[in-house]
């Protein structure tokens, strides 16, 4: 009978762990997919975006494609966090920090020039701010879920004999 009780507790813990992992992975996955999609589109179709950044010609296309490549590179921690946010918690923390830095940097960029003089550029940067704000919220929710789970596990483990 004693072993049966521990089996039930263990199974309930595994169910909770899987639900949290899946929920956090879905939240991270939304951000990851949007970021990767943007990176691929910037890389493969830079001509669609050059005017929004007041760039032109081959130099403008190469600049936009380079930014697309950076988007893809920057998402490596997101991929690990997406795979298993419980085991790769540090990757989730890195993704949250990167998303925060991006949001702060984009906001600062927006105030470095006149939105009145450069409305297309301002609108393009605002779109990044909106998407990165939403992404940061999703990552923070995922991080909170994982933090709560890890905290509960430490509490349970400290009571184990």
Protein backbone atom coordinates (compact mmCIF):
# COMPACT_ATOMS: atom_id res chain seq x y z
CA UNK A 1 0.00 0.00 0.00
CA UNK A 2 2.82 2.37 0.84
CA UNK A 3 4.39 2.03 -2.63
CA UNK A 4 1.02 2.63 -4.28
CA UNK A 5 0.77 6.05 -2.57
CA UNK A 6 4.20 7.08 -3.86
CA UNK A 7 3.27 5.90 -7.35
CA UNK A 8 0.19 8.14 -7.29
CA UNK A 9 2.21 11.15 -6.10
CA UNK A 10 4.91 10.46 -8.70
CA UNK A 11 2.34 10.13 -11.50
CA UNK A 12 0.58 13.35 -10.45
CA UNK A 13 3.91 15.14 -10.44
CA UNK A 14 4.74 13.83 -13.92
CA UNK A 15 1.34 14.94 -15.24
CA UNK A 16 1.87 18.44 -13.79
CA UNK A 17 5.41 18.58 -15.16
CA UNK A 18 4.24 17.59 -18.65
CA UNK A 19 1.37 20.10 -18.63
CA UNK A 20 3.69 22.90 -17.55
CA UNK A 21 6.35 21.92 -20.08
CA UNK A 22 3.82 21.80 -22.91
CA UNK A 23 2.19 25.10 -21.92
CA UNK A 24 5.55 26.87 -21.61
CA UNK A 25 6.72 25.32 -24.90
CA UNK A 26 3.60 26.58 -26.68
CA UNK A 27 4.19 30.11 -25.40
CA UNK A 28 7.87 30.00 -26.36
CA UNK A 29 6.98 28.38 -29.69
CA UNK A 30 4.70 31.26 -30.67
CA UNK A 31 7.53 33.75 -30.15
CA UNK A 32 10.08 31.46 -31.82
CA UNK A 33 7.95 30.89 -34.93
CA UNK A 34 7.19 34.58 -35.39
CA UNK A 35 10.86 35.51 -34.92
CA UNK A 36 12.12 32.81 -37.28
CA UNK A 37 9.45 33.63 -39.88
CA UNK A 38 10.50 37.29 -39.79
CA UNK A 39 14.17 36.34 -40.06
CA UNK A 40 13.59 34.05 -43.03
CA UNK A 41 11.41 36.62 -44.79
CA UNK A 42 13.95 39.40 -44.23
CA UNK A 43 16.73 37.11 -45.47
CA UNK A 44 14.97 35.71 -48.55
CA UNK A 45 12.88 38.77 -49.54
CA UNK A 46 14.81 41.84 -48.38
CA UNK A 47 13.43 43.97 -51.21
CA UNK A 48 10.04 43.95 -49.44
CA UNK A 49 11.52 45.80 -46.47
CA UNK A 50 14.16 48.19 -47.81
CA UNK A 51 11.73 51.09 -48.33
CA UNK A 52 10.40 50.79 -44.77
CA UNK A 53 13.94 51.40 -43.51
CA UNK A 54 14.66 54.05 -46.15
CA UNK A 55 17.27 51.85 -47.80
CA UNK A 56 17.64 51.14 -51.48
CA UNK A 57 19.45 49.03 -54.05
CA UNK A 58 21.77 46.12 -53.42
CA UNK A 59 23.35 47.66 -50.30
CA UNK A 60 19.89 48.08 -48.76
CA UNK A 61 18.85 44.53 -49.65
CA UNK A 62 22.07 43.08 -48.23
CA UNK A 63 21.62 45.13 -45.04
CA UNK A 64 18.05 43.85 -44.56
CA UNK A 65 19.10 40.27 -45.40
CA UNK A 66 21.88 40.58 -42.81
CA UNK A 67 19.35 41.63 -40.18
CA UNK A 68 17.24 38.61 -41.16
CA UNK A 69 20.24 36.36 -40.62
CA UNK A 70 20.79 37.94 -37.21
CA UNK A 71 17.13 37.26 -36.31
CA UNK A 72 17.69 33.59 -37.07
CA UNK A 73 20.97 33.44 -35.14
CA UNK A 74 19.49 35.16 -32.11
CA UNK A 75 16.81 32.50 -31.81
CA UNK A 76 19.14 29.63 -30.91
CA UNK A 77 18.37 29.94 -27.15
CA UNK A 78 14.66 30.08 -27.97
CA UNK A 79 14.96 26.72 -29.75
CA UNK A 80 16.50 25.04 -26.70
CA UNK A 81 13.92 26.63 -24.39
CA UNK A 82 11.17 25.49 -26.76
CA UNK A 83 12.47 21.92 -26.77
CA UNK A 84 12.33 21.57 -22.99
CA UNK A 85 11.95 24.73 -20.89
CA UNK A 86 12.33 22.77 -17.65
CA UNK A 87 15.66 21.18 -18.55
CA UNK A 88 16.90 24.23 -20.51
CA UNK A 89 15.71 26.89 -18.09
CA UNK A 90 18.89 28.92 -18.69
CA UNK A 91 17.98 29.16 -22.39
CA UNK A 92 14.58 30.52 -21.43
CA UNK A 93 16.26 33.10 -19.18
CA UNK A 94 18.59 34.03 -22.06
CA UNK A 95 15.61 34.40 -24.41
CA UNK A 96 13.83 36.66 -21.91
CA UNK A 97 16.95 38.82 -21.54
CA UNK A 98 17.44 39.00 -25.32
CA UNK A 99 13.79 39.91 -25.89
CA UNK A 100 14.01 42.60 -23.19
CA UNK A 101 17.19 44.08 -24.65
CA UNK A 102 15.62 44.11 -28.12
CA UNK A 103 12.53 45.91 -26.84
CA UNK A 104 14.57 48.50 -24.94
CA UNK A 105 16.92 49.02 -27.88
CA UNK A 106 14.07 49.44 -30.37
CA UNK A 107 12.36 51.94 -28.08
CA UNK A 108 15.56 53.96 -27.75
CA UNK A 109 16.04 53.86 -31.54
CA UNK A 110 12.55 55.24 -32.05
CA UNK A 111 13.46 58.36 -30.08
CA UNK A 112 16.76 58.96 -31.88
CA UNK A 113 15.04 60.60 -34.86
CA UNK A 114 11.94 62.56 -35.72
CA UNK A 115 8.92 60.34 -36.40
CA UNK A 116 7.42 63.33 -38.20
CA UNK A 117 10.36 63.50 -40.63
CA UNK A 118 10.62 59.71 -41.07
CA UNK A 119 7.10 58.26 -40.62
CA UNK A 120 7.76 54.98 -42.51
CA UNK A 121 10.85 54.26 -40.45
CA UNK A 122 9.02 55.12 -37.21
CA UNK A 123 6.11 52.83 -38.11
CA UNK A 124 8.49 49.97 -38.93
CA UNK A 125 10.24 50.31 -35.59
CA UNK A 126 6.89 50.56 -33.78
CA UNK A 127 5.84 47.23 -35.34
CA UNK A 128 8.97 45.63 -33.88
CA UNK A 129 8.19 47.19 -30.50
CA UNK A 130 4.64 45.79 -30.56
CA UNK A 131 5.73 42.30 -31.59
CA UNK A 132 8.63 42.21 -29.15
CA UNK A 133 6.39 43.46 -26.32
CA UNK A 134 3.90 40.67 -26.98
CA UNK A 135 6.76 38.16 -27.27
CA UNK A 136 8.26 39.33 -23.99
CA UNK A 137 4.91 38.90 -22.23
CA UNK A 138 4.61 35.32 -23.53
CA UNK A 139 8.20 34.50 -22.52
CA UNK A 140 7.67 35.99 -19.06
CA UNK A 141 4.55 33.88 -18.56
CA UNK A 142 6.50 30.77 -19.63
CA UNK A 143 9.33 31.77 -17.30
CA UNK A 144 6.92 32.27 -14.41
CA UNK A 145 5.39 28.82 -14.97
CA UNK A 146 8.80 27.15 -14.99
CA UNK A 147 9.96 29.16 -11.96
CA UNK A 148 6.89 28.12 -9.97
CA UNK A 149 7.35 24.47 -10.95
CA UNK A 150 11.05 24.49 -10.01
CA UNK A 151 10.26 26.21 -6.70
CA UNK A 152 7.61 23.61 -5.89
CA UNK A 153 10.02 20.80 -6.81
CA UNK A 154 12.67 22.18 -4.45
CA UNK A 155 10.04 22.26 -1.68
CA UNK A 156 8.96 18.68 -2.39
CA UNK A 157 12.55 17.45 -2.68
CA UNK A 158 13.52 19.10 0.62
CA UNK A 159 10.81 17.08 2.37
CA UNK A 160 11.87 13.79 0.79
CA UNK A 161 13.53 11.28 3.07
